[in-house]
Protein backbone atom coordinates (compact mmCIF):
# COMPACT_ATOMS: atom_id res chain seq x y z
CA UNK A 1 -10.96 18.22 1.76
CA UNK A 2 -13.37 16.79 -0.79
CA UNK A 3 -11.16 16.86 -3.90
CA UNK A 4 -11.30 18.10 -7.46
CA UNK A 5 -12.08 15.68 -10.26
CA UNK A 6 -9.40 15.23 -12.88
CA UNK A 7 -6.67 12.75 -13.79
CA UNK A 8 -3.80 12.36 -11.31
CA UNK A 9 -0.49 11.37 -12.87
CA UNK A 10 0.99 11.15 -9.36
CA UNK A 11 -1.78 8.75 -8.38
CA UNK A 12 -0.95 6.66 -11.45
CA UNK A 13 2.75 6.57 -10.53
CA UNK A 14 1.92 5.45 -6.98
CA UNK A 15 -0.45 2.78 -8.28
CA UNK A 16 2.18 1.46 -10.70
CA UNK A 17 4.65 1.29 -7.81
CA UNK A 18 2.01 -0.67 -5.90
CA UNK A 19 0.70 -3.02 -8.58
CA UNK A 20 3.77 -3.96 -10.64
CA UNK A 21 5.55 -5.82 -7.81
CA UNK A 22 2.26 -7.46 -6.85
CA UNK A 23 1.81 -8.76 -10.40
CA UNK A 24 5.33 -10.21 -10.30
CA UNK A 25 4.56 -11.66 -6.84
CA UNK A 26 1.68 -13.66 -8.34
CA UNK A 27 4.33 -15.88 -9.96
CA UNK A 28 6.76 -15.78 -7.02
CA UNK A 29 4.62 -16.43 -3.96
CA UNK A 30 6.24 -17.55 -0.73
CA UNK A 31 6.66 -21.24 -0.05
CA UNK A 32 3.63 -22.68 1.79
CA UNK A 33 1.56 -19.51 1.20
CA UNK A 34 -2.15 -20.21 1.46
CA UNK A 35 -4.94 -17.61 1.51
CA UNK A 36 -7.74 -20.09 2.33
CA UNK A 37 -7.97 -19.27 6.05
CA UNK A 38 -8.13 -15.49 5.68
CA UNK A 39 -11.01 -13.93 7.57
CA UNK A 40 -13.78 -13.02 5.15
CA UNK A 41 -14.37 -9.61 6.73
CA UNK A 42 -10.69 -8.69 6.29
CA UNK A 43 -10.79 -9.81 2.66
CA UNK A 44 -13.92 -7.67 2.15
CA UNK A 45 -12.16 -4.63 3.64
CA UNK A 46 -9.06 -5.31 1.56
CA UNK A 47 -10.92 -5.66 -1.76
CA UNK A 48 -13.14 -2.66 -1.06
CA UNK A 49 -10.10 -0.60 -0.07
CA UNK A 50 -8.21 -1.66 -3.20
CA UNK A 51 -11.02 -0.50 -5.48
CA UNK A 52 -11.65 2.76 -3.61
CA UNK A 53 -7.95 3.60 -3.26
CA UNK A 54 -7.35 2.95 -6.97
CA UNK A 55 -10.32 5.09 -7.99
CA UNK A 56 -9.44 7.96 -5.64
CA UNK A 57 -5.76 7.98 -6.61
CA UNK A 58 -6.68 8.35 -10.28
CA UNK A 59 -9.73 10.63 -10.35
CA UNK A 60 -8.66 13.49 -8.06
CA UNK A 61 -6.05 15.80 -9.56
CA UNK A 62 -5.26 17.25 -6.13
CA UNK A 63 -2.37 14.76 -5.88
CA UNK A 64 -0.50 16.27 -8.83
CA UNK A 65 2.48 18.43 -7.97
CA UNK A 66 1.83 22.00 -6.83
CA UNK A 67 4.20 24.83 -6.12
CA UNK A 68 6.43 24.30 -3.09
CA UNK A 69 4.79 24.73 0.32
CA UNK A 70 4.88 23.03 3.67
CA UNK A 71 2.33 20.54 2.24
CA UNK A 72 5.04 19.31 -0.14
CA UNK A 73 6.64 17.41 2.73
CA UNK A 74 3.59 15.13 2.79
CA UNK A 75 4.10 13.98 -0.80
CA UNK A 76 7.84 13.67 -0.26
CA UNK A 77 7.17 11.44 2.75
CA UNK A 78 4.63 9.41 0.80
CA UNK A 79 7.08 8.94 -2.07
CA UNK A 80 9.93 7.95 0.26
CA UNK A 81 7.70 5.26 1.78
CA UNK A 82 6.81 3.97 -1.70
CA UNK A 83 10.51 3.80 -2.61
CA UNK A 84 11.11 1.90 0.63
CA UNK A 85 8.25 -0.41 -0.41
CA UNK A 86 10.01 -1.04 -3.74
CA UNK A 87 13.25 -1.81 -1.90
CA UNK A 88 11.38 -4.21 0.36
CA UNK A 89 10.05 -6.02 -2.74
CA UNK A 90 13.54 -6.22 -4.26
CA UNK A 91 14.81 -7.77 -1.04
CA UNK A 92 11.89 -10.23 -1.05
CA UNK A 93 12.42 -11.26 -4.68
CA UNK A 94 16.15 -11.84 -4.02
CA UNK A 95 15.39 -13.92 -0.92
CA UNK A 96 14.50 -17.61 -0.67
CA UNK A 97 10.88 -16.40 -0.67
CA UNK A 98 9.89 -17.99 2.61
CA UNK A 99 6.84 -16.82 4.53
CA UNK A 100 9.16 -15.08 6.98
CA UNK A 101 10.63 -13.09 4.07
CA UNK A 102 7.17 -12.04 2.90
CA UNK A 103 6.04 -10.89 6.36
CA UNK A 104 9.31 -9.17 7.18
CA UNK A 105 10.02 -5.63 8.31
CA UNK A 106 12.32 -3.03 6.84
CA UNK A 107 14.05 -0.32 8.85
CA UNK A 108 11.99 -1.40 11.85
CA UNK A 109 8.67 -0.97 10.02
CA UNK A 110 6.71 -4.17 10.74
CA UNK A 111 4.95 -6.08 7.97
CA UNK A 112 6.45 -3.63 5.51
CA UNK A 113 4.76 -5.14 2.47
CA UNK A 114 1.39 -4.21 3.92
CA UNK A 115 2.05 -1.14 6.04
CA UNK A 116 4.24 0.93 3.72
CA UNK A 117 1.79 1.35 0.82
CA UNK A 118 -1.16 1.96 3.14
CA UNK A 119 0.66 4.70 5.04
CA UNK A 120 1.95 6.11 1.77
CA UNK A 121 -1.55 6.47 0.33
CA UNK A 122 -2.81 8.04 3.55
CA UNK A 123 0.00 10.59 3.33
CA UNK A 124 -0.84 11.19 -0.34
CA UNK A 125 -4.42 11.85 0.73
CA UNK A 126 -3.20 14.35 3.32
CA UNK A 127 -1.02 16.06 0.70
CA UNK A 128 -3.93 16.38 -1.71
CA UNK A 129 -6.34 17.23 1.12
CA UNK A 130 -8.69 14.53 -0.17
CA UNK A 131 -10.56 12.86 2.67
CA UNK A 132 -11.85 10.16 0.32
CA UNK A 133 -8.35 8.76 -0.28
CA UNK A 134 -7.59 8.85 3.43
CA UNK A 135 -10.78 6.87 4.13
CA UNK A 136 -10.15 4.46 1.23
CA UNK A 137 -6.56 3.78 2.31
CA UNK A 138 -7.71 3.26 5.89
CA UNK A 139 -10.27 0.69 4.73
CA UNK A 140 -7.52 -0.96 2.68
CA UNK A 141 -5.24 -0.93 5.71
CA UNK A 142 -7.78 -2.64 7.97
CA UNK A 143 -8.06 -5.50 5.51
CA UNK A 144 -4.57 -5.72 4.07
CA UNK A 145 -2.62 -5.19 7.29
CA UNK A 146 -5.15 -7.34 9.16
CA UNK A 147 -4.58 -10.23 6.77
CA UNK A 148 -0.80 -9.85 7.07
CA UNK A 149 -1.05 -9.84 10.87
CA UNK A 150 -3.17 -12.99 10.69
CA UNK A 151 -0.63 -14.74 8.44
CA UNK A 152 2.38 -13.60 10.45
CA UNK A 153 0.86 -15.05 13.63
CA UNK A 154 0.56 -18.43 11.92
CA UNK A 155 4.24 -18.55 10.99
CA UNK A 156 5.25 -17.57 14.54
CA UNK A 157 3.27 -20.48 16.02
């Protein structure tokens, strides 16, 4: 479960699915969005998780496609969640872009913009049997999901 060094084209595809909508989001943020009150420890976890997840997804070739086995279901599940993440973004970009739109769920998955990619990368780590990606995505999840929970509580008050 340590991983084999080498370029992962699957990791690159997942990262593009993650980062492209976020780059677009930078110009289409929700109305009244403000990151000033985010807890510093959550931001630290998020940034650390972003760097580690990006590095792990790219430098371990264990995520590239293998011959069919029962492990293949893990990457299929991870990919389905990333497609769902893309659909969530499309819905957000077509919305009025309120805070409630940004912290919305999809198919009953709460805070979909934060939870879907984190779970997807954990599943990718399971598929590749790379503990480092599982740990990195978990660190990312603590920060990213934690920040989204913090923001969603503010809009409910």
